[in-house]
Structure formats: C-alpha cells, structure tokens
Protein backbone atom coordinates (compact mmCIF):
# COMPACT_ATOMS: atom_id res chain seq x y z
CA MET A 1 167.64 -0.58 41.52
CA ARG A 2 166.57 2.38 39.58
CA LEU A 3 163.16 3.12 40.18
CA LEU A 4 160.63 4.80 37.97
CA PHE A 5 158.30 5.74 39.87
CA ASP A 6 154.69 5.99 37.71
CA HIS A 7 152.63 9.42 37.84
CA ASN A 8 150.17 7.66 40.47
CA LEU A 9 152.91 8.28 43.66
CA SER A 10 154.60 11.60 44.14
CA PRO A 11 157.61 12.88 42.46
CA THR A 12 159.35 13.77 46.21
CA LEU A 13 160.06 9.66 46.73
CA VAL A 14 163.01 10.22 44.10
CA GLY A 15 165.17 12.67 46.23
CA ARG A 16 163.58 11.26 49.36
CA LEU A 17 164.76 7.54 48.52
CA ALA A 18 167.75 8.89 46.47
CA ASP A 19 170.31 7.64 49.23
CA TRP A 20 169.15 3.69 48.76
CA PHE A 21 167.58 4.22 44.96
CA PRO A 22 169.91 6.62 43.34
CA ASP A 23 169.51 7.59 39.81
CA SER A 24 165.85 6.87 39.96
CA ASN A 25 163.26 9.14 38.57
CA HIS A 26 159.57 10.25 38.55
CA VAL A 27 157.40 9.92 34.80
CA PHE A 28 156.89 13.75 35.64
CA HIS A 29 160.51 15.08 35.79
CA LEU A 30 160.92 12.92 32.58
CA ARG A 31 157.84 14.48 31.23
CA LEU A 32 156.34 11.19 30.76
CA HIS A 33 152.96 11.63 33.29
CA GLU A 34 150.84 11.97 30.34
CA ALA A 35 152.17 9.42 28.43
CA ASP A 36 150.80 5.87 27.00
CA ASP A 37 151.63 3.34 29.14
CA LEU A 38 153.88 1.04 26.65
CA VAL A 39 156.22 4.65 26.23
CA ILE A 40 156.53 4.27 29.58
CA TRP A 41 157.65 0.81 29.21
CA GLU A 42 159.87 1.55 26.52
CA HIS A 43 161.43 4.45 28.02
CA ALA A 44 162.02 1.94 31.81
CA LYS A 45 163.46 -1.00 29.46
CA ALA A 46 166.16 1.24 27.81
CA ASN A 47 167.38 2.86 30.55
CA GLY A 48 167.17 0.13 33.15
CA PHE A 49 164.22 1.25 35.75
CA ALA A 50 162.19 -0.76 37.45
CA ILE A 51 158.75 0.72 36.88
CA VAL A 52 157.19 1.33 40.45
CA THR A 53 153.49 1.76 40.45
CA LYS A 54 149.90 1.34 42.09
CA ASP A 55 148.41 0.40 38.86
CA SER A 56 148.37 -2.92 37.80
CA ASP A 57 148.70 -1.73 34.24
CA PHE A 58 152.48 -2.57 34.28
CA THR A 59 151.78 -5.79 36.44
CA ASP A 60 149.66 -7.47 33.49
CA ARG A 61 152.09 -6.34 31.00
CA SER A 62 155.16 -7.91 32.91
CA LEU A 63 153.28 -11.12 32.99
CA LEU A 64 152.65 -10.73 29.34
CA LEU A 65 156.08 -9.19 28.19
CA GLY A 66 158.34 -10.65 30.89
CA HIS A 67 161.35 -8.88 31.88
CA PRO A 68 162.75 -6.06 31.35
CA PRO A 69 161.96 -4.11 32.97
CA LYS A 70 161.10 -5.24 36.28
CA VAL A 71 157.65 -4.01 37.82
CA ILE A 72 156.98 -2.90 41.88
CA ARG A 73 153.31 -3.03 42.39
CA LEU A 74 152.90 -1.45 45.46
CA HIS A 75 149.40 -2.32 47.31
CA LEU A 76 148.33 0.19 48.72
CA GLY A 77 145.39 1.89 49.38
CA ASN A 78 145.30 6.03 49.61
CA CYS A 79 148.17 6.66 51.95
CA THR A 80 150.98 9.01 52.58
CA THR A 81 154.30 9.40 50.86
CA ASP A 82 155.68 8.89 54.70
CA ALA A 83 153.66 5.62 53.75
CA VAL A 84 155.64 5.12 50.43
CA GLU A 85 158.48 5.69 51.33
CA ALA A 86 158.94 3.30 54.43
CA LEU A 87 157.17 0.57 52.69
CA LEU A 88 160.45 0.63 50.16
CA ARG A 89 162.78 1.35 53.04
CA ASN A 90 161.44 -1.16 54.94
CA HIS A 91 161.48 -4.14 52.05
CA TYR A 92 165.15 -2.64 50.78
CA ALA A 93 166.57 -6.37 51.25
CA ILE A 94 163.44 -8.03 49.25
CA ILE A 95 164.00 -5.14 46.55
CA ALA A 96 167.69 -5.84 46.47
CA ALA A 97 166.86 -9.40 46.01
CA PHE A 98 164.25 -8.98 43.41
CA GLU A 99 166.82 -7.24 41.13
CA GLN A 100 169.09 -9.93 41.28
CA GLU A 101 166.23 -12.73 40.31
CA SER A 102 166.22 -13.58 36.39
CA GLU A 103 162.86 -15.41 36.39
CA ARG A 104 160.22 -12.71 38.72
CA SER A 105 159.30 -10.12 36.65
CA CYS A 106 157.07 -8.50 39.78
CA LEU A 107 157.48 -8.14 42.96
CA HIS A 108 154.00 -7.36 44.96
CA LEU A 109 154.18 -4.94 48.52
CA PRO A 110 153.89 -5.71 50.61
CA PRO A 111 154.05 -9.26 50.15
CA ALA A 112 151.17 -11.37 50.89
CA PRO A 113 150.94 -13.30 53.58
CA TRP A 114 151.12 -16.78 51.82
CA HIS A 115 154.26 -15.52 50.15
CA HIS A 116 156.33 -15.84 53.28
C-alpha cells in the first residue's frame, strides 16, 4: 500500500517506512502541505495513495464519499515519530488486509477495543 502522509505527521516517515510501504510520499514533498483537503484527497485518489492522518477531516470525507482513496486515521496524541513508525509497523498485517477490503474506506489505528 502506498501511503500519503498528511501535514500533521513527519515527512521522515516516508524514508523510515520505505521498506514496508514503498513509493509512499508526504504532502510536504508534493508541495501540498498548504493545500485544501479536497486537493490532497483528489491527488491521493488519482495516484493510488491511502491517506495517513491524525485529523478527523479525512475520516469524515471517507464516510461521505467512500473510497478511493482509503484513509488510515491514527488515534495518537502528541507523540514521537518513532511511536508513529512503530504503530504502522506493528499493524502492517491489518493495513495490508484493509487494502484488500472492498467495503471499508477508513481504518482506525490503534483499533478500538471493541473491534477485536
């Protein structure tokens, strides 16, 4: 799965996770860090990215419009980039399965306890 990291996440995640999520990118590298969410959404949709974000805006949009693109919503407070990287690595199997799902447009990480 190709990930597009939102502005609220570190651009260094692209390189740090390249072994498991090759061809991923960050809105900063694409000069979309100041773009409207709809522009980011359309870029992700046109280029086969899943949006990774801490914001609810893309989650709301995915509920309204469905997918593509898919959205991975990270439910982490203020934390280190190491913590974000660890979360994505530790949930790789869940992310890979989510990519193949035809119905669900948003994945919440870490999963809520009632999703087990």
